[in-house]
PDB file of N, CA and C in Angstrom:
ATOM      1  N   MET A   1       6.577 -25.319 -23.691  1.00  0.00           N
ATOM      2  CA  MET A   1       6.662 -23.773 -22.523  1.00  0.00           C
ATOM      3  C   MET A   1       5.673 -23.116 -23.072  1.00  0.00           C
ATOM      4  N   ALA A   2       4.747 -22.835 -24.402  1.00  0.00           N
ATOM      5  CA  ALA A   2       3.728 -21.821 -24.448  1.00  0.00           C
ATOM      6  C   ALA A   2       2.689 -22.363 -23.501  1.00  0.00           C
ATOM      7  N   ARG A   3       2.407 -23.340 -23.072  1.00  0.00           N
ATOM      8  CA  ARG A   3       1.164 -24.129 -22.292  1.00  0.00           C
ATOM      9  C   ARG A   3       1.521 -23.449 -21.057  1.00  0.00           C
ATOM     10  N   ALA A   4       2.721 -23.520 -20.431  1.00  0.00           N
ATOM     11  CA  ALA A   4       3.266 -23.152 -19.009  1.00  0.00           C
ATOM     12  C   ALA A   4       2.834 -21.818 -19.079  1.00  0.00           C
ATOM     13  N   ALA A   5       3.522 -21.027 -19.911  1.00  0.00           N
ATOM     14  CA  ALA A   5       3.316 -19.551 -19.814  1.00  0.00           C
ATOM     15  C   ALA A   5       1.989 -18.851 -20.337  1.00  0.00           C
ATOM     16  N   ALA A   6       1.082 -19.756 -20.936  1.00  0.00           N
ATOM     17  CA  ALA A   6      -0.029 -19.383 -20.684  1.00  0.00           C
ATOM     18  C   ALA A   6      -0.935 -19.612 -19.363  1.00  0.00           C
ATOM     19  N   THR A   7      -0.590 -20.567 -18.801  1.00  0.00           N
ATOM     20  CA  THR A   7      -1.678 -20.655 -17.149  1.00  0.00           C
ATOM     21  C   THR A   7      -0.576 -20.038 -16.201  1.00  0.00           C
ATOM     22  N   VAL A   8       0.247 -19.284 -16.460  1.00  0.00           N
ATOM     23  CA  VAL A   8       1.038 -18.579 -15.414  1.00  0.00           C
ATOM     24  C   VAL A   8      -0.210 -17.114 -14.802  1.00  0.00           C
ATOM     25  N   ARG A   9      -0.380 -16.911 -13.663  1.00  0.00           N
ATOM     26  CA  ARG A   9      -1.012 -16.203 -12.841  1.00  0.00           C
ATOM     27  C   ARG A   9      -0.644 -14.610 -12.982  1.00  0.00           C
ATOM     28  N   GLN A  10      -1.425 -13.920 -13.446  1.00  0.00           N
ATOM     29  CA  GLN A  10      -0.783 -12.613 -13.134  1.00  0.00           C
ATOM     30  C   GLN A  10      -1.217 -11.938 -12.074  1.00  0.00           C
ATOM     31  N   PRO A  11      -0.528 -11.105 -11.677  1.00  0.00           N
ATOM     32  CA  PRO A  11      -0.454 -10.166 -10.972  1.00  0.00           C
ATOM     33  C   PRO A  11      -1.596  -9.605 -10.721  1.00  0.00           C
ATOM     34  N   ASN A  12      -2.670  -9.167  -9.296  1.00  0.00           N
ATOM     35  CA  ASN A  12      -3.357  -8.838  -9.043  1.00  0.00           C
ATOM     36  C   ASN A  12      -3.057  -8.114  -8.180  1.00  0.00           C
ATOM     37  N   PRO A  13      -2.725  -6.872  -7.725  1.00  0.00           N
ATOM     38  CA  PRO A  13      -2.670  -5.775  -6.463  1.00  0.00           C
ATOM     39  C   PRO A  13      -4.071  -5.720  -5.863  1.00  0.00           C
ATOM     40  N   ASP A  14      -4.782  -5.560  -6.986  1.00  0.00           N
ATOM     41  CA  ASP A  14      -5.997  -5.129  -6.048  1.00  0.00           C
ATOM     42  C   ASP A  14      -6.568  -6.148  -4.944  1.00  0.00           C
ATOM     43  N   ARG A  15      -6.634  -7.080  -5.307  1.00  0.00           N
ATOM     44  CA  ARG A  15      -6.648  -8.666  -4.381  1.00  0.00           C
ATOM     45  C   ARG A  15      -5.836  -8.144  -2.958  1.00  0.00           C
ATOM     46  N   LEU A  16      -4.939  -7.636  -3.233  1.00  0.00           N
ATOM     47  CA  LEU A  16      -3.954  -7.323  -1.576  1.00  0.00           C
ATOM     48  C   LEU A  16      -4.571  -6.060  -0.933  1.00  0.00           C
ATOM     49  N   ARG A  17      -5.068  -4.974  -2.379  1.00  0.00           N
ATOM     50  CA  ARG A  17      -5.351  -4.227  -1.374  1.00  0.00           C
ATOM     51  C   ARG A  17      -7.316  -4.377  -0.552  1.00  0.00           C
ATOM     52  N   GLU A  18      -7.538  -5.128  -1.449  1.00  0.00           N
ATOM     53  CA  GLU A  18      -8.995  -5.880  -0.602  1.00  0.00           C
ATOM     54  C   GLU A  18      -9.187  -6.534   0.721  1.00  0.00           C
ATOM     55  N   ALA A  19      -7.804  -7.084   0.758  1.00  0.00           N
ATOM     56  CA  ALA A  19      -7.482  -7.977   1.815  1.00  0.00           C
ATOM     57  C   ALA A  19      -6.903  -6.616   3.317  1.00  0.00           C
ATOM     58  N   GLU A  20      -6.827  -5.432   2.477  1.00  0.00           N
ATOM     59  CA  GLU A  20      -6.120  -4.373   3.710  1.00  0.00           C
ATOM     60  C   GLU A  20      -7.546  -3.815   3.797  1.00  0.00           C
ATOM     61  N   ARG A  21      -8.538  -3.697   3.447  1.00  0.00           N
ATOM     62  CA  ARG A  21      -9.808  -3.180   3.787  1.00  0.00           C
ATOM     63  C   ARG A  21     -10.315  -3.735   4.508  1.00  0.00           C
ATOM     64  N   HIS A  22     -10.188  -5.418   4.614  1.00  0.00           N
ATOM     65  CA  HIS A  22     -11.288  -5.981   5.203  1.00  0.00           C
ATOM     66  C   HIS A  22     -10.380  -6.688   6.655  1.00  0.00           C
ATOM     67  N   LYS A  23      -9.600  -5.900   7.106  1.00  0.00           N
ATOM     68  CA  LYS A  23      -8.638  -6.342   8.339  1.00  0.00           C
ATOM     69  C   LYS A  23      -9.531  -6.613   9.567  1.00  0.00           C
ATOM     70  N   PRO A  24      -9.339  -7.946  10.356  1.00  0.00           N
ATOM     71  CA  PRO A  24     -10.341  -8.473  11.252  1.00  0.00           C
ATOM     72  C   PRO A  24     -10.520  -7.285  12.657  1.00  0.00           C
ATOM     73  N   GLY A  25     -11.456  -7.531  13.424  1.00  0.00           N
ATOM     74  CA  GLY A  25     -12.050  -5.950  13.948  1.00  0.00           C
ATOM     75  C   GLY A  25     -11.090  -6.879  15.807  1.00  0.00           C
ATOM     76  N   TYR A  26      -9.824  -7.523  15.373  1.00  0.00           N
ATOM     77  CA  TYR A  26      -9.508  -7.237  16.658  1.00  0.00           C
ATOM     78  C   TYR A  26      -7.954  -8.046  16.322  1.00  0.00           C
ATOM     79  N   ARG A  27      -6.934  -7.882  17.399  1.00  0.00           N
ATOM     80  CA  ARG A  27      -5.258  -7.817  17.458  1.00  0.00           C
ATOM     81  C   ARG A  27      -4.954  -9.096  18.284  1.00  0.00           C
ATOM     82  N   VAL A  28      -3.913  -9.486  18.014  1.00  0.00           N
ATOM     83  CA  VAL A  28      -3.303 -10.287  18.842  1.00  0.00           C
ATOM     84  C   VAL A  28      -2.180  -9.642  19.344  1.00  0.00           C
ATOM     85  N   ILE A  29      -2.138  -9.911  21.119  1.00  0.00           N
ATOM     86  CA  ILE A  29      -1.237  -8.882  21.455  1.00  0.00           C
ATOM     87  C   ILE A  29      -0.314 -10.021  22.671  1.00  0.00           C
ATOM     88  N   ALA A  30       0.488  -9.695  22.854  1.00  0.00           N
ATOM     89  CA  ALA A  30       1.146 -10.734  24.385  1.00  0.00           C
ATOM     90  C   ALA A  30       1.181  -9.418  25.480  1.00  0.00           C
ATOM     91  N   VAL A  31       0.911  -9.892  26.648  1.00  0.00           N
ATOM     92  CA  VAL A  31       0.833  -9.327  28.142  1.00  0.00           C
ATOM     93  C   VAL A  31       1.539 -10.233  28.374  1.00  0.00           C
ATOM     94  N   SER A  32       2.450  -9.531  29.331  1.00  0.00           N
ATOM     95  CA  SER A  32       3.040 -10.362  30.505  1.00  0.00           C
ATOM     96  C   SER A  32       2.436 -10.401  31.990  1.00  0.00           C
ATOM     97  N   LEU A  33       2.300 -11.655  31.999  1.00  0.00           N
ATOM     98  CA  LEU A  33       1.701 -11.573  34.138  1.00  0.00           C
ATOM     99  C   LEU A  33       2.553 -12.849  34.679  1.00  0.00           C
ATOM    100  N   TYR A  34       2.553 -12.118  35.862  1.00  0.00           N
ATOM    101  CA  TYR A  34       3.189 -12.921  37.117  1.00  0.00           C
ATOM    102  C   TYR A  34       2.203 -14.258  37.283  1.00  0.00           C
ATOM    103  N   THR A  35       2.687 -15.428  37.402  1.00  0.00           N
ATOM    104  CA  THR A  35       2.180 -16.658  37.242  1.00  0.00           C
ATOM    105  C   THR A  35       0.854 -16.389  38.068  1.00  0.00           C
ATOM    106  N   PRO A  36       1.170 -16.177  39.098  1.00  0.00           N
ATOM    107  CA  PRO A  36      -0.208 -16.376  40.035  1.00  0.00           C
ATOM    108  C   PRO A  36      -2.041 -15.681  39.338  1.00  0.00           C
ATOM    109  N   GLU A  37      -1.256 -14.585  38.692  1.00  0.00           N
ATOM    110  CA  GLU A  37      -2.700 -14.042  37.715  1.00  0.00           C
ATOM    111  C   GLU A  37      -2.430 -14.631  36.574  1.00  0.00           C
ATOM    112  N   ALA A  38      -1.598 -15.435  35.865  1.00  0.00           N
ATOM    113  CA  ALA A  38      -1.940 -16.329  34.958  1.00  0.00           C
ATOM    114  C   ALA A  38      -2.809 -17.541  35.674  1.00  0.00           C
ATOM    115  N   GLU A  39      -2.434 -18.092  36.527  1.00  0.00           N
ATOM    116  CA  GLU A  39      -3.194 -19.601  37.287  1.00  0.00           C
ATOM    117  C   GLU A  39      -4.744 -19.006  37.479  1.00  0.00           C
ATOM    118  N   TRP A  40      -4.741 -17.709  37.940  1.00  0.00           N
ATOM    119  CA  TRP A  40      -6.169 -17.081  38.025  1.00  0.00           C
ATOM    120  C   TRP A  40      -6.854 -17.345  36.948  1.00  0.00           C
ATOM    121  N   ILE A  41      -6.389 -16.626  35.910  1.00  0.00           N
ATOM    122  CA  ILE A  41      -7.410 -16.219  34.439  1.00  0.00           C
ATOM    123  C   ILE A  41      -7.610 -17.708  34.500  1.00  0.00           C
ATOM    124  N   ASP A  42      -6.718 -18.645  34.323  1.00  0.00           N
ATOM    125  CA  ASP A  42      -7.008 -20.550  33.889  1.00  0.00           C
ATOM    126  C   ASP A  42      -8.173 -20.711  34.749  1.00  0.00           C
ATOM    127  N   ALA A  43      -8.080 -20.382  35.968  1.00  0.00           N
ATOM    128  CA  ALA A  43      -9.002 -21.073  37.002  1.00  0.00           C
ATOM    129  C   ALA A  43     -10.339 -20.294  36.849  1.00  0.00           C
ATOM    130  N   MET A  44     -10.279 -19.631  36.468  1.00  0.00           N
ATOM    131  CA  MET A  44     -12.089 -18.174  36.113  1.00  0.00           C
ATOM    132  C   MET A  44     -12.860 -19.271  34.770  1.00  0.00           C
ATOM    133  N   THR A  45     -11.159 -19.349  33.991  1.00  0.00           N
ATOM    134  CA  THR A  45     -11.950 -19.650  32.503  1.00  0.00           C
ATOM    135  C   THR A  45     -12.712 -21.229  32.869  1.00  0.00           C
ATOM    136  N   ARG A  46     -11.737 -22.050  33.732  1.00  0.00           N
ATOM    137  CA  ARG A  46     -12.228 -23.559  34.054  1.00  0.00           C
ATOM    138  C   ARG A  46     -13.842 -23.664  34.271  1.00  0.00           C
ATOM    139  N   VAL A  47     -13.882 -22.095  35.612  1.00  0.00           N
ATOM    140  CA  VAL A  47     -15.005 -22.269  36.619  1.00  0.00           C
ATOM    141  C   VAL A  47     -16.247 -21.817  35.565  1.00  0.00           C
ATOM    142  N   LEU A  48     -15.904 -21.002  34.488  1.00  0.00           N
ATOM    143  CA  LEU A  48     -16.993 -19.942  33.482  1.00  0.00           C
ATOM    144  C   LEU A  48     -17.545 -21.667  32.821  1.00  0.00           C
ATOM    145  N   GLN A  49     -16.151 -22.537  32.452  1.00  0.00           N
ATOM    146  CA  GLN A  49     -16.451 -23.877  31.742  1.00  0.00           C
ATOM    147  C   GLN A  49     -17.496 -24.815  32.424  1.00  0.00           C
ATOM    148  N   ARG A  50     -17.282 -24.895  33.294  1.00  0.00           N
ATOM    149  CA  ARG A  50     -18.392 -26.154  34.409  1.00  0.00           C
ATOM    150  C   ARG A  50     -19.696 -25.495  34.654  1.00  0.00           C
ATOM    151  N   ALA A  51     -19.644 -23.562  34.757  1.00  0.00           N
ATOM    152  CA  ALA A  51     -20.721 -23.255  35.031  1.00  0.00           C
ATOM    153  C   ALA A  51     -21.732 -22.955  33.937  1.00  0.00           C
ATOM    154  N   GLY A  52     -21.170 -23.931  32.594  1.00  0.00           N
ATOM    155  CA  GLY A  52     -22.094 -23.715  31.476  1.00  0.00           C
ATOM    156  C   GLY A  52     -21.524 -23.050  30.200  1.00  0.00           C
ATOM    157  N   ASN A  53     -20.609 -22.657  30.215  1.00  0.00           N
ATOM    158  CA  ASN A  53     -20.438 -21.675  29.101  1.00  0.00           C
ATOM    159  C   ASN A  53     -19.014 -22.157  28.318  1.00  0.00           C
ATOM    160  N   PRO A  54     -19.060 -23.055  27.546  1.00  0.00           N
ATOM    161  CA  PRO A  54     -18.307 -24.161  26.794  1.00  0.00           C
ATOM    162  C   PRO A  54     -17.330 -23.253  25.905  1.00  0.00           C
ATOM    163  N   LYS A  55     -17.774 -22.137  25.644  1.00  0.00           N
ATOM    164  CA  LYS A  55     -16.208 -21.043  25.170  1.00  0.00           C
ATOM    165  C   LYS A  55     -15.420 -20.100  25.507  1.00  0.00           C
ATOM    166  N   ALA A  56     -15.987 -20.170  27.134  1.00  0.00           N
ATOM    167  CA  ALA A  56     -15.430 -19.418  27.840  1.00  0.00           C
ATOM    168  C   ALA A  56     -13.266 -19.915  27.805  1.00  0.00           C
ATOM    169  N   ASN A  57     -12.881 -18.621  27.527  1.00  0.00           N
ATOM    170  CA  ASN A  57     -11.292 -18.934  27.352  1.00  0.00           C
ATOM    171  C   ASN A  57     -10.699 -17.493  27.870  1.00  0.00           C
ATOM    172  N   ARG A  58      -9.701 -17.369  28.210  1.00  0.00           N
ATOM    173  CA  ARG A  58      -8.604 -16.481  28.755  1.00  0.00           C
ATOM    174  C   ARG A  58      -9.145 -15.170  27.670  1.00  0.00           C
ATOM    175  N   SER A  59      -9.150 -14.960  26.914  1.00  0.00           N
ATOM    176  CA  SER A  59      -9.887 -14.350  26.079  1.00  0.00           C
ATOM    177  C   SER A  59     -10.691 -13.411  26.749  1.00  0.00           C
ATOM    178  N   LEU A  60     -12.000 -14.056  26.882  1.00  0.00           N
ATOM    179  CA  LEU A  60     -12.784 -13.656  27.436  1.00  0.00           C
ATOM    180  C   LEU A  60     -12.485 -13.147  29.179  1.00  0.00           C
ATOM    181  N   VAL A  61     -11.730 -13.920  29.726  1.00  0.00           N
ATOM    182  CA  VAL A  61     -11.805 -13.450  31.047  1.00  0.00           C
ATOM    183  C   VAL A  61     -11.006 -12.142  31.024  1.00  0.00           C
ATOM    184  N   ILE A  62     -10.277 -11.965  30.168  1.00  0.00           N
ATOM    185  CA  ILE A  62      -8.917 -10.599  29.903  1.00  0.00           C
ATOM    186  C   ILE A  62      -9.958  -9.556  29.477  1.00  0.00           C
ATOM    187  N   ARG A  63     -11.186  -9.673  28.368  1.00  0.00           N
ATOM    188  CA  ARG A  63     -11.945  -8.782  28.074  1.00  0.00           C
ATOM    189  C   ARG A  63     -12.983  -7.810  28.635  1.00  0.00           C
ATOM    190  N   GLU A  64     -13.328  -8.948  29.499  1.00  0.00           N
ATOM    191  CA  GLU A  64     -14.472  -8.542  30.963  1.00  0.00           C
ATOM    192  C   GLU A  64     -13.583  -7.755  32.005  1.00  0.00           C
ATOM    193  N   ALA A  65     -12.625  -8.265  32.198  1.00  0.00           N
ATOM    194  CA  ALA A  65     -11.419  -7.255  33.243  1.00  0.00           C
ATOM    195  C   ALA A  65     -11.288  -6.072  32.298  1.00  0.00           C
ATOM    196  N   ILE A  66     -11.103  -5.904  31.373  1.00  0.00           N
ATOM    197  CA  ILE A  66     -10.797  -4.879  29.978  1.00  0.00           C
ATOM    198  C   ILE A  66     -12.401  -3.864  30.294  1.00  0.00           C
ATOM    199  N   ALA A  67     -13.142  -4.375  30.333  1.00  0.00           N
ATOM    200  CA  ALA A  67     -14.559  -3.827  30.538  1.00  0.00           C
ATOM    201  C   ALA A  67     -14.852  -3.114  31.734  1.00  0.00           C
ATOM    202  N   ARG A  68     -14.504  -4.100  32.887  1.00  0.00           N
ATOM    203  CA  ARG A  68     -14.597  -3.142  34.268  1.00  0.00           C
ATOM    204  C   ARG A  68     -13.888  -2.447  34.281  1.00  0.00           C
ATOM    205  N   LEU A  69     -12.348  -2.099  33.994  1.00  0.00           N
ATOM    206  CA  LEU A  69     -11.761  -0.824  33.741  1.00  0.00           C
ATOM    207  C   LEU A  69     -12.529   0.168  32.862  1.00  0.00           C
ATOM    208  N   GLN A  70     -12.723  -0.175  31.872  1.00  0.00           N
ATOM    209  CA  GLN A  70     -12.973   1.141  31.061  1.00  0.00           C
ATOM    210  C   GLN A  70     -14.210   1.616  31.584  1.00  0.00           C
ATOM    211  N   GLU A  71     -15.298   0.624  32.427  1.00  0.00           N
ATOM    212  CA  GLU A  71     -16.218   1.515  33.275  1.00  0.00           C
ATOM    213  C   GLU A  71     -15.902   1.959  34.278  1.00  0.00           C
ATOM    214  N   ASP A  72     -14.813   1.843  35.157  1.00  0.00           N
ATOM    215  CA  ASP A  72     -14.205   2.326  36.443  1.00  0.00           C
ATOM    216  C   ASP A  72     -13.543   4.141  36.134  1.00  0.00           C
ATOM    217  N   LEU A  73     -12.836   4.188  34.603  1.00  0.00           N
ATOM    218  CA  LEU A  73     -12.104   4.967  34.347  1.00  0.00           C
ATOM    219  C   LEU A  73     -13.252   5.922  32.894  1.00  0.00           C
ATOM    220  N   HIS A  74     -13.828   5.246  33.060  1.00  0.00           N
ATOM    221  CA  HIS A  74     -14.378   6.088  31.447  1.00  0.00           C
ATOM    222  C   HIS A  74     -14.659   8.022  32.309  1.00  0.00           C
ATOM    223  N   ASP A  75     -15.094   8.101  33.154  1.00  0.00           N
ATOM    224  CA  ASP A  75     -14.931   9.982  33.134  1.00  0.00           C
ATOM    225  C   ASP A  75     -14.116  10.408  33.846  1.00  0.00           C
ATOM    226  N   LYS A  76     -12.835   9.627  33.995  1.00  0.00           N
ATOM    227  CA  LYS A  76     -11.627  10.325  34.441  1.00  0.00           C
ATOM    228  C   LYS A  76     -11.067  11.027  33.789  1.00  0.00           C
ATOM    229  N   SER A  77     -10.363  11.932  34.402  1.00  0.00           N
ATOM    230  CA  SER A  77      -9.196  12.820  34.102  1.00  0.00           C
ATOM    231  C   SER A  77      -7.732  11.721  33.880  1.00  0.00           C
ATOM    232  N   PRO A  78      -7.287  12.477  33.254  1.00  0.00           N
ATOM    233  CA  PRO A  78      -5.833  11.738  33.347  1.00  0.00           C
ATOM    234  C   PRO A  78      -4.913  11.358  34.658  1.00  0.00           C
ATOM    235  N   GLN A  79      -5.151  12.532  35.710  1.00  0.00           N
ATOM    236  CA  GLN A  79      -4.683  12.638  36.923  1.00  0.00           C
ATOM    237  C   GLN A  79      -5.621  11.546  37.595  1.00  0.00           C
ATOM    238  N   GLU A  80      -7.047  11.496  37.500  1.00  0.00           N
ATOM    239  CA  GLU A  80      -7.790  10.472  38.412  1.00  0.00           C
ATOM    240  C   GLU A  80      -7.245   9.222  38.019  1.00  0.00           C
ATOM    241  N   ALA A  81      -7.139   9.283  37.023  1.00  0.00           N
ATOM    242  CA  ALA A  81      -6.769   7.569  36.407  1.00  0.00           C
ATOM    243  C   ALA A  81      -5.429   6.858  37.212  1.00  0.00           C
ATOM    244  N   MET A  82      -4.280   8.330  36.714  1.00  0.00           N
ATOM    245  CA  MET A  82      -2.979   7.842  37.658  1.00  0.00           C
ATOM    246  C   MET A  82      -3.752   7.377  39.556  1.00  0.00           C
ATOM    247  N   GLN A  83      -4.271   8.101  39.893  1.00  0.00           N
ATOM    248  CA  GLN A  83      -4.701   7.666  41.336  1.00  0.00           C
ATOM    249  C   GLN A  83      -5.382   6.415  41.360  1.00  0.00           C
ATOM    250  N   TYR A  84      -6.057   6.474  40.546  1.00  0.00           N
ATOM    251  CA  TYR A  84      -6.752   5.182  40.430  1.00  0.00           C
ATOM    252  C   TYR A  84      -5.752   3.671  40.850  1.00  0.00           C
ATOM    253  N   PHE A  85      -4.984   3.828  39.765  1.00  0.00           N
ATOM    254  CA  PHE A  85      -3.912   2.979  39.168  1.00  0.00           C
ATOM    255  C   PHE A  85      -3.228   2.612  41.057  1.00  0.00           C
ATOM    256  N   ILE A  86      -2.305   3.506  41.049  1.00  0.00           N
ATOM    257  CA  ILE A  86      -1.891   4.311  41.933  1.00  0.00           C
ATOM    258  C   ILE A  86      -2.528   3.856  43.767  1.00  0.00           C
ATOM    259  N   ALA A  87      -3.870   4.014  43.791  1.00  0.00           N
ATOM    260  CA  ALA A  87      -4.534   3.424  44.840  1.00  0.00           C
ATOM    261  C   ALA A  87      -5.090   2.152  44.889  1.00  0.00           C
ATOM    262  N   ARG A  88      -5.114   1.325  43.915  1.00  0.00           N
ATOM    263  CA  ARG A  88      -5.500  -0.003  43.529  1.00  0.00           C
ATOM    264  C   ARG A  88      -3.788  -0.786  43.858  1.00  0.00           C
ATOM    265  N   HIS A  89      -2.876  -0.156  43.336  1.00  0.00           N
ATOM    266  CA  HIS A  89      -1.773  -1.134  43.709  1.00  0.00           C
ATOM    267  C   HIS A  89      -1.272  -0.891  45.312  1.00  0.00           C
ATOM    268  N   ALA A  90      -1.391   0.280  45.707  1.00  0.00           N
ATOM    269  CA  ALA A  90      -1.470   0.506  47.208  1.00  0.00           C
ATOM    270  C   ALA A  90      -2.234  -0.918  47.766  1.00  0.00           C
ATOM    271  N   ALA A  91      -3.943  -0.451  47.564  1.00  0.00           N
ATOM    272  CA  ALA A  91      -4.529  -1.328  48.198  1.00  0.00           C
ATOM    273  C   ALA A  91      -3.942  -3.480  48.344  1.00  0.00           C
ATOM    274  N   ARG A  92      -3.372  -3.644  47.151  1.00  0.00           N
ATOM    275  CA  ARG A  92      -2.722  -4.992  46.486  1.00  0.00           C
ATOM    276  C   ARG A  92      -1.872  -5.076  47.436  1.00  0.00           C
ATOM    277  N   ALA A  93      -0.484  -4.326  47.894  1.00  0.00           N
ATOM    278  CA  ALA A  93       0.578  -4.160  48.319  1.00  0.00           C
ATOM    279  C   ALA A  93      -0.045  -4.312  50.025  1.00  0.00           C
ATOM    280  N   ALA A  94      -1.009  -3.433  50.743  1.00  0.00           N
ATOM    281  CA  ALA A  94      -1.386  -3.590  52.000  1.00  0.00           C
ATOM    282  C   ALA A  94      -1.953  -5.050  52.404  1.00  0.00           C
ATOM    283  N   LEU A  95      -2.286  -5.681  50.974  1.00  0.00           N
ATOM    284  CA  LEU A  95      -2.820  -6.960  51.498  1.00  0.00           C
ATOM    285  C   LEU A  95      -1.845  -8.184  51.402  1.00  0.00           C
ATOM    286  N   SER A  96      -0.456  -7.633  50.678  1.00  0.00           N
ATOM    287  CA  SER A  96       0.607  -9.048  50.596  1.00  0.00           C
ATOM    288  C   SER A  96       1.613  -8.920  52.496  1.00  0.00           C
TER     289      SER A  96
END
């Protein structure tokens, strides 16, 4: 019994605080997509892989799309950003 008690680890709350300070620089999130959108992302991933990027994946495609959106909207006011989304939605609807 004494041997078992001697080998019990003592709580180390600093270890938990250390993990909190070193959180990864990313977050995993869930996003809902329509089937054609998801299929396009998968197809683009395969295109990039065949073109020589073996590490291409869905996240890469989505991150690049977000980077493009950030470039398009970086100097826009909230009203201009809303108009951007309205115009894009209208353009897509016109193609359907």
